Structures are given as structure tokens and as C-alpha cells.
């Protein structure tokens, strides 16, 4: 069967009876089996997917199928799906079965998407390489010696390996966009509050957002349109109406005012080929009639420290519930209340999660709260105000997604600081709440893909999708 890169092609072939939905699902299941050594899926819902395919095929034939009929999608293992396991790729939640579905999952199912399985991820979405999973590292389908990025590495790899048409991930500091860049797919972090977080296992609640990983901007727009919007179960979810994103991307091309940060392009550590590609992109945009200007954002060196102070503090609070009493794994070696807490958490959490919990507990402690957490919140406000000021003058900010291409498995695992700096270009969007998309526009001389990132104003996804759709992507 041919490889599909967008839903409209699948739906056209279903309509013309070139293929059937059961055949498509079987093809994806075959691809999953052939790529099982990549450790992408923690669980495949094969029989359920086949049954659903038969049911939706009948709906297609009777003309009453939903908008996503024909879409086979995977979900990250920190997004709840009723009566299915969800573990956040952690020992502490191994074999836990969800009692309800995330709002995003319910909305996908309502429009007849088929969920084919749950994908591996960094434990509790903490990591930039997908090597922090209790269930082992995911391999990059482009080159299995390399990481797929993280924390949504399994979701990005699932799309890149053609084991599904699209996947849902979560993005706390770049966890959708960075693996999208490493695997050569499209990845969107929506505006904070655009998509409900109900049913997403929390890492840092004021940062986390669910978003799509796809092979086309068109599908990213469609999925976002379906799952976005107000939700009574999430008080941080915006009541702002959802635009028709799929209609927006087909409007006549506009000329935009775009900026890029000189300090980002001149940052030591940015791969020379990525820098050259970005500069060439800027020249191409100018040639197309867009206004592209440089501007100054002098706070690059503050974004990663601020992000890790605040997110670890929130993680320390959010993960307190996993203690062997209320939720999760309980150590068989425990003999009293104190040992139950200590041993269950020590044995149940991996090294990176423990590192971040301890760091977060430290910055929230009585003697250091004002010096770290309170100061971090003040810096976040400055970053937000400056980003909003720049976006009041420009439609978009253009920047690299990552400083380099994917690195080899095991290469950086023992260097947490180097790993944290993988997020240097992505965390700004999470700190400020603006939407950002990574587009697979580049291919390095080492054979690996990389992305360009675009940020826009709060709730300006329609303009973001329209502009992103004008780029030539390599997915």
C-alpha cells in the first residue's frame, strides 16, 4: 500500500474505493510489527483498531462518518484513554488503567479517528531524548543509532516510521517540537489553554499542552481544530471560540511581517548547517515579498534556568501523589509508613524524575523560595511581556527548533546540563504561552532531518497554520 502523508488523500481513496479502512489499519499494524525493534509502542490496540475500522467503514459507506474518518492515530503514554493502560512510561504507574478518557481523546473518537496504540515517552514527560523511559529508549526511524528526541519521542517516531498517520504528544518545554525536528515531522505546541489538559498526566501544569505530530500542516490544523476549545473539566482552558484552521490554510497567501533574533542565530553551539539553512529561509521569505527584520531578545540565557526552576517546582508538587499510599507502585520491601513512602518513591521513579523532584522541592523550600521560585516567576513575567511586545509589532518569530540534529543514543545521557540545553530554542513558547510549530524543512549532511520553528501571537493558530503551509516540508 502507498504511504499516505495527509488525511484528504486517504479519504479520497476511501471514497473511490481504492482502499478500505480495514486494509489501511492492517497496513499500519504490519508497519508496527516491522519496526518493533525501535521500541516505539508500549501497547498496540490491534484487535480494537480492526473492529473500529470495520465499524467506521460502514459509516463511510452510509455517508455519516466524522471529520477524522480514515485517520489512524497514536497517543503518548501520558494521555488517558478509558479502560486502557496509561503509565507515563514510569514503573510507579506500570499497569495502571485509566477510568476516563482525556478530553482530547474523546473529541478524536467522536470524529471517528482510530487510536492504534500508546507510544513510549520519557518518564513523566521529563527528558529530551526518550532515554528516560522505564521501558527503554526509543530509536529514531531515520537512523536507529540516534535518539528520536523527547519527551514525545515515541509519538514522533510513530509518525516518521509510518506506523500511523498522526500522533498526540504533550509539550512542556519543547517535547513535541524537538522530537518533530529530530524525526522530520510537523509538531505543534498550541497556545496555552487552547486544548484541554483534562486527562493529561501532569508534569508542570502551567506549561503542559497537548498537541499533534503529523506529516502535513493540513492534518495538524485539522486535529487541533477537532480537539481545541472550552472544557468544563479544565479551568485553564480558554472559552475563546476555535477558528476554522483548515479553512485558513487554503486562503490566498498573505504577506507577513516576520522577525528573527540575531542573538539566537549567533548563539555558540548552533549547528552551522542549521544556521545557514535559517539564513537561506530568511532570504527566500524576503524574495516572496514578506518583510523580515532582525530584532533583539536579550534574555536567551535566562530562558532555560527559569524554565527548570519553575517546572521542577510544579513537578515536585504534582508528583507528590505517587507515594505508594494514594497512587502507584508500592515497594514490597516496605514495613512501616515511612519506609512505604521512601522505598516506593525511590524504587518507582527513575533518576531524571528524582533529580527534578529534588530540585523542585529545593527551590520551594522555606529558605530558598524567594531566591529561586519567586524570582523565576518574575523573570517569566518579563519574558512574557517582551515576547508579547515583539509579537505586537510582527506576525511571527522565526527561529531554529533545535541547536543541532539528533544525537546518538547514550551520547548525552550522563550530562543533564547538556540535555537541558537541547530545549534552549523551544522553552520560550512554553514560558510565555504562545503557539509554536516546528516544520521539517532541512536535511543535514549527516543524513538527519531538522526543523525550523515559528512562533505567533496567543490564539493566532489560524495565521500560524496558514503561514506554515507555505513552506516546503520534507515529511
Protein backbone atom coordinates (compact mmCIF):
# COMPACT_ATOMS: atom_id res chain seq x y z
CA UNK A 1 0.00 0.00 0.00
CA UNK A 2 1.25 3.52 -0.76
CA UNK A 3 2.42 5.79 2.03
CA UNK A 4 -0.10 8.48 2.93
CA UNK A 5 1.03 11.86 4.24
CA UNK A 6 -2.36 13.52 4.77
CA UNK A 7 -5.92 12.58 5.62
CA UNK A 8 -7.54 14.08 2.50
CA UNK A 9 -5.62 11.57 0.32
CA UNK A 10 -6.83 8.69 2.50
CA UNK A 11 -10.40 9.94 2.45
CA UNK A 12 -10.33 10.35 -1.35
CA UNK A 13 -9.11 6.76 -1.78
CA UNK A 14 -11.72 5.50 0.68
CA UNK A 15 -14.40 7.37 -1.24
CA UNK A 16 -13.16 5.99 -4.57
CA UNK A 17 -12.94 2.50 -3.02
CA UNK A 18 -9.26 2.22 -3.93
CA UNK A 19 -8.72 1.07 -0.34
CA UNK A 20 -10.85 0.17 2.66
CA UNK A 21 -10.26 1.31 6.21
CA UNK A 22 -9.65 -2.27 7.47
CA UNK A 23 -6.93 -2.62 4.80
CA UNK A 24 -5.34 0.65 5.92
CA UNK A 25 -5.33 -0.41 9.57
CA UNK A 26 -3.82 -3.78 8.64
CA UNK A 27 -1.06 -1.96 6.74
CA UNK A 28 -0.23 0.23 9.73
CA UNK A 29 -0.25 -2.83 12.03
CA UNK A 30 2.17 -4.54 9.65
CA UNK A 31 4.46 -1.49 9.81
CA UNK A 32 4.27 -1.53 13.62
CA UNK A 33 5.34 -5.18 13.61
CA UNK A 34 8.22 -4.47 11.22
CA UNK A 35 9.51 -1.59 13.38
CA UNK A 36 9.01 -3.19 16.81
CA UNK A 37 12.78 -3.13 17.43
CA UNK A 38 12.52 0.68 17.54
CA UNK A 39 10.54 0.37 20.84
CA UNK A 40 8.01 2.97 19.68
CA UNK A 41 4.81 1.45 21.07
CA UNK A 42 4.27 0.29 24.64
CA UNK A 43 0.94 -1.24 23.66
CA UNK A 44 -0.83 -1.75 20.34
CA UNK A 45 -4.64 -1.85 20.31
CA UNK A 46 -4.69 -4.18 17.31
CA UNK A 47 -7.99 -6.04 17.72
CA UNK A 48 -9.77 -2.90 18.87
CA UNK A 49 -8.41 -0.92 15.90
CA UNK A 50 -9.53 -3.62 13.45
CA UNK A 51 -13.01 -3.69 14.95
CA UNK A 52 -13.25 0.10 14.87
CA UNK A 53 -12.10 0.11 11.24
CA UNK A 54 -14.98 -2.19 10.25
CA UNK A 55 -17.46 0.00 12.11
CA UNK A 56 -16.21 3.27 10.58
CA UNK A 57 -16.00 1.71 7.11
CA UNK A 58 -19.76 1.15 7.31
CA UNK A 59 -20.26 4.77 8.38
CA UNK A 60 -18.19 5.94 5.40
CA UNK A 61 -20.28 3.83 3.03
CA UNK A 62 -23.51 5.19 4.51
CA UNK A 63 -22.21 8.79 4.33
CA UNK A 64 -22.35 9.69 8.02
CA UNK A 65 -18.70 9.37 9.09
CA UNK A 66 -16.93 12.00 11.19
CA UNK A 67 -14.32 14.54 10.09
CA UNK A 68 -11.43 12.24 11.06
CA UNK A 69 -12.73 9.05 9.43
CA UNK A 70 -9.67 7.38 7.95
CA UNK A 71 -7.23 8.86 10.45
CA UNK A 72 -5.21 6.28 12.36
CA UNK A 73 -3.59 7.98 15.34
CA UNK A 74 -1.34 7.05 18.26
CA UNK A 75 -1.35 8.67 21.70
CA UNK A 76 1.53 9.40 24.05
CA UNK A 77 1.61 7.27 27.19
CA UNK A 78 0.71 10.21 29.45
CA UNK A 79 -2.71 10.81 27.85
CA UNK A 80 -5.61 8.89 29.42
CA UNK A 81 -7.84 6.56 27.39
CA UNK A 82 -10.70 4.94 29.29
CA UNK A 83 -10.20 1.26 30.15
CA UNK A 84 -6.69 1.33 28.70
CA UNK A 85 -3.35 1.39 30.47
CA UNK A 86 -1.50 4.69 30.95
CA UNK A 87 1.82 4.78 32.78
CA UNK A 88 3.68 7.95 31.75
CA UNK A 89 6.41 5.38 30.94
CA UNK A 90 7.13 5.01 34.65
CA UNK A 91 7.48 1.98 36.90
CA UNK A 92 5.41 3.81 39.52
CA UNK A 93 2.32 3.67 37.25
CA UNK A 94 3.03 0.37 35.50
CA UNK A 95 -0.22 -1.47 34.65
CA UNK A 96 -2.40 1.42 35.86
CA UNK A 97 -5.67 1.51 33.88
CA UNK A 98 -7.46 4.81 33.32
CA UNK A 99 -11.07 5.22 34.47
CA UNK A 100 -11.75 8.00 31.96
CA UNK A 101 -10.54 9.44 28.67
CA UNK A 102 -8.76 12.76 28.17
CA UNK A 103 -10.99 15.40 26.58
CA UNK A 104 -8.68 15.44 23.54
CA UNK A 105 -9.10 11.65 23.14
CA UNK A 106 -12.90 11.87 23.46
CA UNK A 107 -13.02 14.52 20.75
CA UNK A 108 -10.86 12.44 18.41
CA UNK A 109 -13.07 9.39 18.88
CA UNK A 110 -16.23 11.44 18.37
CA UNK A 111 -14.97 12.35 14.88
CA UNK A 112 -14.14 8.70 14.08
CA UNK A 113 -10.37 8.66 14.49
CA UNK A 114 -8.91 5.22 15.25
CA UNK A 115 -6.44 5.03 18.15
CA UNK A 116 -3.93 2.33 17.26
CA UNK A 117 -1.78 2.31 20.40
CA UNK A 118 0.09 4.19 23.10
CA UNK A 119 3.62 5.38 22.48
CA UNK A 120 6.73 5.29 24.61
CA UNK A 121 7.94 8.59 26.14
CA UNK A 122 10.38 9.99 28.66
CA UNK A 123 9.16 9.17 32.18
CA UNK A 124 6.51 11.71 33.22
CA UNK A 125 7.48 13.66 30.06
CA UNK A 126 10.83 14.62 31.60
CA UNK A 127 13.59 14.42 29.02
CA UNK A 128 14.89 15.44 25.62
CA UNK A 129 15.84 12.08 24.15
CA UNK A 130 13.29 9.41 25.15
CA UNK A 131 16.07 7.59 27.02
CA UNK A 132 14.42 8.20 30.43
CA UNK A 133 11.59 5.73 29.87
CA UNK A 134 11.28 2.83 32.31
CA UNK A 135 10.55 0.71 29.22
CA UNK A 136 13.78 1.59 27.42
CA UNK A 137 14.88 4.09 24.79
CA UNK A 138 13.05 4.67 21.50
CA UNK A 139 15.17 4.54 18.33
CA UNK A 140 14.91 7.20 15.65
CA UNK A 141 13.37 5.64 12.49
CA UNK A 142 15.61 7.82 10.29
CA UNK A 143 18.69 6.20 11.86
CA UNK A 144 18.20 3.72 14.73
CA UNK A 145 21.57 4.62 16.29
CA UNK A 146 20.14 8.03 17.18
CA UNK A 147 17.54 9.30 19.67
CA UNK A 148 14.15 10.46 18.37
CA UNK A 149 14.09 13.41 20.82
CA UNK A 150 11.82 13.78 23.78
CA UNK A 151 9.70 13.61 25.65
CA UNK A 152 7.21 12.77 22.87
CA UNK A 153 9.85 10.74 21.03
CA UNK A 154 7.62 7.70 20.62
CA UNK A 155 4.85 9.78 19.06
CA UNK A 156 7.25 11.50 16.64
CA UNK A 157 8.89 8.18 15.76
CA UNK A 158 5.47 6.55 15.21
CA UNK A 159 4.60 9.15 12.56
CA UNK A 160 8.08 9.10 10.99
CA UNK A 161 8.05 5.28 10.79
CA UNK A 162 4.64 5.33 9.04
CA UNK A 163 3.01 3.25 11.78
CA UNK A 164 0.11 5.74 11.94
CA UNK A 165 -0.89 8.90 10.11
CA UNK A 166 -0.60 11.18 13.17
CA UNK A 167 0.01 11.11 16.91
CA UNK A 168 -0.76 13.15 20.00
CA UNK A 169 2.07 14.32 22.21
CA UNK A 170 2.48 16.78 25.05
CA UNK A 171 4.76 19.80 25.09
CA UNK A 172 6.06 21.28 28.37
CA UNK A 173 9.28 22.84 27.09
CA UNK A 174 9.62 21.57 23.53
CA UNK A 175 8.55 17.96 23.96
CA UNK A 176 6.54 17.93 20.71
CA UNK A 177 8.65 20.29 18.61
CA UNK A 178 12.10 18.93 19.43
CA UNK A 179 11.29 15.28 18.51
CA UNK A 180 9.40 16.57 15.46
CA UNK A 181 12.65 18.24 14.38
CA UNK A 182 14.75 15.14 15.11
CA UNK A 183 12.37 12.78 13.26
CA UNK A 184 11.44 15.03 10.33
CA UNK A 185 7.73 15.57 11.03
CA UNK A 186 5.42 18.50 11.84
CA UNK A 187 4.90 19.27 15.53
CA UNK A 188 2.65 21.91 17.10
CA UNK A 189 2.54 23.32 20.62
CA UNK A 190 -0.75 25.26 20.74
CA UNK A 191 -1.44 28.39 22.78
CA UNK A 192 -1.63 27.55 26.50
CA UNK A 193 -5.33 26.98 27.23
CA UNK A 194 -6.29 26.24 23.62
CA UNK A 195 -6.55 22.48 24.21
CA UNK A 196 -7.84 20.94 27.44
CA UNK A 197 -5.30 19.30 29.74
CA UNK A 198 -8.01 17.13 31.31
CA UNK A 199 -6.70 13.57 31.16
CA UNK A 200 -3.07 14.57 30.60
CA UNK A 201 -0.83 13.27 33.41
CA UNK A 202 0.68 16.48 34.77
CA UNK A 203 4.36 17.36 34.75
CA UNK A 204 4.20 21.17 35.09
CA UNK A 205 0.61 22.36 34.95
CA UNK A 206 1.23 25.95 33.85
CA UNK A 207 3.37 24.75 30.93
CA UNK A 208 1.87 21.45 29.66
CA UNK A 209 -0.09 21.39 26.40
CA UNK A 210 -1.36 18.53 24.23
CA UNK A 211 -0.64 18.89 20.52
CA UNK A 212 -0.39 16.93 17.26
CA UNK A 213 2.54 15.37 15.40
CA UNK A 214 1.76 14.87 11.72
CA UNK A 215 3.26 14.59 8.25
CA UNK A 216 1.43 17.68 6.96
CA UNK A 217 0.43 21.11 8.23
CA UNK A 218 -3.08 20.39 6.94
CA UNK A 219 -3.53 17.45 9.32
CA UNK A 220 -2.04 19.37 12.25
CA UNK A 221 -4.62 22.10 11.62
CA UNK A 222 -7.49 19.61 11.40
CA UNK A 223 -6.57 17.71 14.57
CA UNK A 224 -6.10 20.95 16.50
CA UNK A 225 -9.47 22.20 15.30
CA UNK A 226 -11.17 18.99 16.47
CA UNK A 227 -9.60 18.78 19.93
CA UNK A 228 -9.40 22.51 20.80
CA UNK A 229 -11.98 24.54 22.68
CA UNK A 230 -13.55 25.10 26.06
CA UNK A 231 -13.78 22.23 28.52
CA UNK A 232 -15.64 22.27 31.84
CA UNK A 233 -13.07 19.85 33.29
CA UNK A 234 -10.12 22.23 32.79
CA UNK A 235 -10.45 25.71 34.27
CA UNK A 236 -7.29 26.86 32.48
CA UNK A 237 -8.87 26.04 29.12
CA UNK A 238 -9.89 29.14 27.15
CA UNK A 239 -13.50 29.84 26.24
CA UNK A 240 -12.30 31.75 23.16
CA UNK A 241 -14.02 30.37 20.01
CA UNK A 242 -11.96 27.98 17.87
CA UNK A 243 -11.20 29.29 14.39
CA UNK A 244 -11.65 27.19 11.28
CA UNK A 245 -7.99 26.31 10.87
CA UNK A 246 -8.44 24.07 7.84
CA UNK A 247 -10.22 26.87 6.01
CA UNK A 248 -7.49 29.36 6.99
CA UNK A 249 -4.67 27.36 5.38
CA UNK A 250 -6.38 27.44 1.99
CA UNK A 251 -6.89 31.21 1.91
CA UNK A 252 -4.86 33.29 -0.58
CA UNK A 253 -1.31 33.75 0.63
CA UNK A 254 -0.72 36.93 2.62
CA UNK A 255 2.47 38.90 3.03
CA UNK A 256 3.59 38.88 6.64
CA UNK A 257 5.92 40.83 8.88
CA UNK A 258 8.42 38.43 10.42
CA UNK A 259 11.31 38.84 12.83
CA UNK A 260 14.23 36.71 13.93
CA UNK A 261 16.62 37.14 16.85
CA UNK A 262 20.23 37.83 15.92
CA UNK A 263 21.34 36.56 19.34
CA UNK A 264 19.71 33.18 18.61
CA UNK A 265 21.37 32.77 15.22
CA UNK A 266 24.76 33.79 16.59
CA UNK A 267 24.43 31.53 19.65
CA UNK A 268 27.51 29.41 20.20
CA UNK A 269 26.53 25.79 19.77
CA UNK A 270 24.06 26.31 16.92
CA UNK A 271 24.98 23.87 14.15
CA UNK A 272 26.49 25.81 11.18
CA UNK A 273 24.27 23.98 8.67
CA UNK A 274 21.12 24.81 10.63
CA UNK A 275 22.25 28.43 10.84
CA UNK A 276 22.89 28.55 7.08
CA UNK A 277 19.50 26.94 6.37
CA UNK A 278 17.73 29.50 8.56
CA UNK A 279 19.51 32.42 6.86
CA UNK A 280 18.61 30.99 3.43
CA UNK A 281 14.99 30.66 4.56
CA UNK A 282 15.01 34.30 5.62
CA UNK A 283 16.29 35.35 2.17
CA UNK A 284 13.62 33.21 0.47
CA UNK A 285 10.88 34.82 2.57
CA UNK A 286 12.13 38.27 1.60
CA UNK A 287 12.15 37.24 -2.07
CA UNK A 288 8.50 36.14 -1.68
CA UNK A 289 7.58 39.66 -0.58
CA UNK A 290 7.45 39.19 3.20
CA UNK A 291 9.03 41.77 5.48
CA UNK A 292 11.74 40.04 7.51
CA UNK A 293 13.68 42.04 10.09
CA UNK A 294 16.06 41.28 12.90
CA UNK A 295 15.16 42.23 16.47
CA UNK A 296 16.73 41.87 19.86
CA UNK A 297 15.68 39.44 22.57
CA UNK A 298 18.39 39.81 25.23
CA UNK A 299 17.07 37.11 27.57
CA UNK A 300 18.12 33.89 25.83
CA UNK A 301 20.49 32.93 28.65
CA UNK A 302 17.63 33.19 31.16
CA UNK A 303 15.01 31.03 29.47
CA UNK A 304 16.40 27.57 30.33
CA UNK A 305 17.25 28.34 34.01
CA UNK A 306 13.84 29.98 34.52
CA UNK A 307 12.09 27.06 32.87
CA UNK A 308 13.82 24.45 35.04
CA UNK A 309 13.29 26.35 38.30
CA UNK A 310 9.55 26.69 37.65
CA UNK A 311 8.81 23.31 36.04
CA UNK A 312 10.68 21.32 38.67
CA UNK A 313 8.79 23.19 41.39
CA UNK A 314 5.48 22.25 39.75
CA UNK A 315 6.69 18.67 39.21
CA UNK A 316 7.60 18.36 42.89
CA UNK A 317 4.01 19.28 43.76
CA UNK A 318 2.29 17.28 41.01
CA UNK A 319 4.23 14.07 41.63
CA UNK A 320 3.73 14.11 45.41
CA UNK A 321 0.60 11.97 44.95
CA UNK A 322 2.64 8.99 43.71
CA UNK A 323 3.70 7.73 47.11
CA UNK A 324 2.71 4.08 47.44
CA UNK A 325 -0.34 5.08 49.51
CA UNK A 326 -2.56 7.21 47.30
CA UNK A 327 -1.36 6.18 43.83
CA UNK A 328 1.07 3.92 42.12
CA UNK A 329 3.70 1.32 42.90
CA UNK A 330 4.17 0.21 46.50
CA UNK A 331 7.51 -1.29 47.46
CA UNK A 332 7.29 -4.93 48.62
CA UNK A 333 10.19 -4.11 50.98
CA UNK A 334 8.23 -1.51 52.96
CA UNK A 335 7.48 -2.37 56.59
CA UNK A 336 6.02 0.85 58.03
CA UNK A 337 4.61 4.20 56.85
CA UNK A 338 7.94 5.95 56.43
CA UNK A 339 9.57 3.09 54.51
CA UNK A 340 6.47 2.86 52.30
CA UNK A 341 6.93 6.47 51.23
CA UNK A 342 10.73 6.34 50.91
CA UNK A 343 11.09 2.96 49.20
CA UNK A 344 8.05 3.26 46.90
CA UNK A 345 9.23 6.59 45.51
CA UNK A 346 12.92 5.61 45.40
CA UNK A 347 12.18 2.38 43.54
CA UNK A 348 9.25 3.68 41.48
CA UNK A 349 10.81 6.80 39.95
CA UNK A 350 13.76 6.90 37.54
CA UNK A 351 16.89 9.00 38.06
CA UNK A 352 15.79 12.01 35.99
CA UNK A 353 12.38 12.25 37.67
CA UNK A 354 14.02 12.01 41.11
CA UNK A 355 16.51 14.69 40.09
CA UNK A 356 13.74 17.08 39.08
CA UNK A 357 11.58 16.35 42.15
CA UNK A 358 14.53 17.08 44.43
CA UNK A 359 15.43 20.25 42.55
CA UNK A 360 11.79 21.39 42.67
CA UNK A 361 11.47 20.64 46.38
CA UNK A 362 14.67 22.61 46.99
CA UNK A 363 13.50 25.75 45.12
CA UNK A 364 10.17 25.65 47.01
CA UNK A 365 11.76 25.18 50.44
CA UNK A 366 11.43 27.87 53.09
CA UNK A 367 14.95 29.27 52.83
CA UNK A 368 15.10 29.35 49.03
CA UNK A 369 11.55 30.08 47.81
CA UNK A 370 12.12 33.82 47.32
CA UNK A 371 15.58 33.37 45.85
CA UNK A 372 14.51 30.86 43.22
CA UNK A 373 10.81 30.20 42.68
CA UNK A 374 9.52 33.74 43.32
CA UNK A 375 12.35 35.22 41.26
CA UNK A 376 11.66 32.69 38.48
CA UNK A 377 8.05 33.86 38.30
CA UNK A 378 9.22 37.49 37.98
CA UNK A 379 11.61 36.57 35.17
CA UNK A 380 8.80 34.63 33.46
CA UNK A 381 6.66 37.78 33.51
CA UNK A 382 9.49 39.79 31.89
CA UNK A 383 9.96 37.11 29.20
CA UNK A 384 6.21 37.08 28.52
CA UNK A 385 5.93 40.86 28.29
CA UNK A 386 8.92 41.16 25.95
CA UNK A 387 7.69 38.33 23.70
CA UNK A 388 4.23 39.91 23.52
CA UNK A 389 5.76 43.30 22.74
CA UNK A 390 7.71 41.83 19.82
CA UNK A 391 4.63 39.97 18.55
CA UNK A 392 2.61 43.20 18.69
CA UNK A 393 4.99 44.53 16.01
CA UNK A 394 5.43 41.32 14.00
CA UNK A 395 3.19 38.45 12.88
CA UNK A 396 5.77 35.74 13.53
CA UNK A 397 9.09 34.99 15.16
CA UNK A 398 11.31 32.65 13.14
CA UNK A 399 13.95 30.60 14.98
CA UNK A 400 15.66 27.19 14.97
CA UNK A 401 13.79 24.35 16.66
CA UNK A 402 16.95 22.72 17.99
CA UNK A 403 20.64 23.67 18.18
CA UNK A 404 21.60 20.51 16.28
CA UNK A 405 20.28 17.30 14.80
CA UNK A 406 19.56 14.13 16.77
CA UNK A 407 22.47 12.77 18.82
CA UNK A 408 23.45 9.14 19.32
CA UNK A 409 21.71 7.00 21.94
CA UNK A 410 23.78 7.12 25.14
CA UNK A 411 25.87 10.09 23.99
CA UNK A 412 24.44 12.71 26.38
CA UNK A 413 22.55 10.67 28.96
CA UNK A 414 25.16 11.31 31.67
CA UNK A 415 25.25 15.08 31.14
CA UNK A 416 21.97 16.61 32.43
CA UNK A 417 23.05 20.21 31.69
CA UNK A 418 23.84 19.42 28.05
CA UNK A 419 20.50 17.62 27.82
CA UNK A 420 18.62 20.56 29.34
CA UNK A 421 20.20 22.93 26.78
CA UNK A 422 18.52 20.92 24.00
CA UNK A 423 15.44 22.99 24.93
CA UNK A 424 17.13 26.36 24.52
CA UNK A 425 15.06 27.45 21.49
CA UNK A 426 11.77 25.79 22.44
CA UNK A 427 11.12 26.77 26.08
CA UNK A 428 10.32 30.41 25.27
CA UNK A 429 6.95 29.42 23.80
CA UNK A 430 6.02 27.47 26.96
CA UNK A 431 7.20 30.16 29.36
CA UNK A 432 5.13 32.77 27.51
CA UNK A 433 2.16 30.59 26.47
CA UNK A 434 2.33 31.44 22.74
CA UNK A 435 1.79 28.84 20.00
CA UNK A 436 4.78 27.44 18.10
CA UNK A 437 5.19 24.95 15.27
CA UNK A 438 8.23 23.00 14.05
CA UNK A 439 8.40 22.28 10.33
CA UNK A 440 10.75 19.66 8.81
CA UNK A 441 12.39 21.90 6.20
CA UNK A 442 16.04 20.85 6.45
CA UNK A 443 18.28 17.84 5.92
CA UNK A 444 21.78 17.83 7.36
CA UNK A 445 24.86 16.46 5.61
CA UNK A 446 24.84 13.73 8.28
CA UNK A 447 21.59 12.47 6.76
CA UNK A 448 19.37 13.54 9.67
CA UNK A 449 16.42 15.95 9.43
CA UNK A 450 15.97 19.19 11.34
CA UNK A 451 13.22 21.75 11.70
CA UNK A 452 12.51 25.46 11.60
CA UNK A 453 10.27 26.87 14.32
CA UNK A 454 7.67 29.62 14.01
CA UNK A 455 6.02 31.37 16.99
CA UNK A 456 2.96 33.59 16.76
CA UNK A 457 0.59 35.59 18.99
CA UNK A 458 -1.68 33.97 21.57
CA UNK A 459 -4.59 32.17 19.86
CA UNK A 460 -3.28 33.04 16.37
CA UNK A 461 -3.08 29.40 15.28
CA UNK A 462 -5.11 30.19 12.14
CA UNK A 463 -2.41 32.60 10.89
CA UNK A 464 0.33 30.23 12.08
CA UNK A 465 -1.10 27.32 10.10
CA UNK A 466 -1.67 29.49 7.01
CA UNK A 467 1.94 30.70 7.03
CA UNK A 468 3.38 27.27 7.89
CA UNK A 469 1.50 25.74 4.97
CA UNK A 470 3.50 27.88 2.51
CA UNK A 471 6.79 26.16 3.47
CA UNK A 472 8.17 23.22 1.55
CA UNK A 473 8.42 20.45 4.10
CA UNK A 474 10.33 17.19 3.78
CA UNK A 475 7.98 14.88 5.68
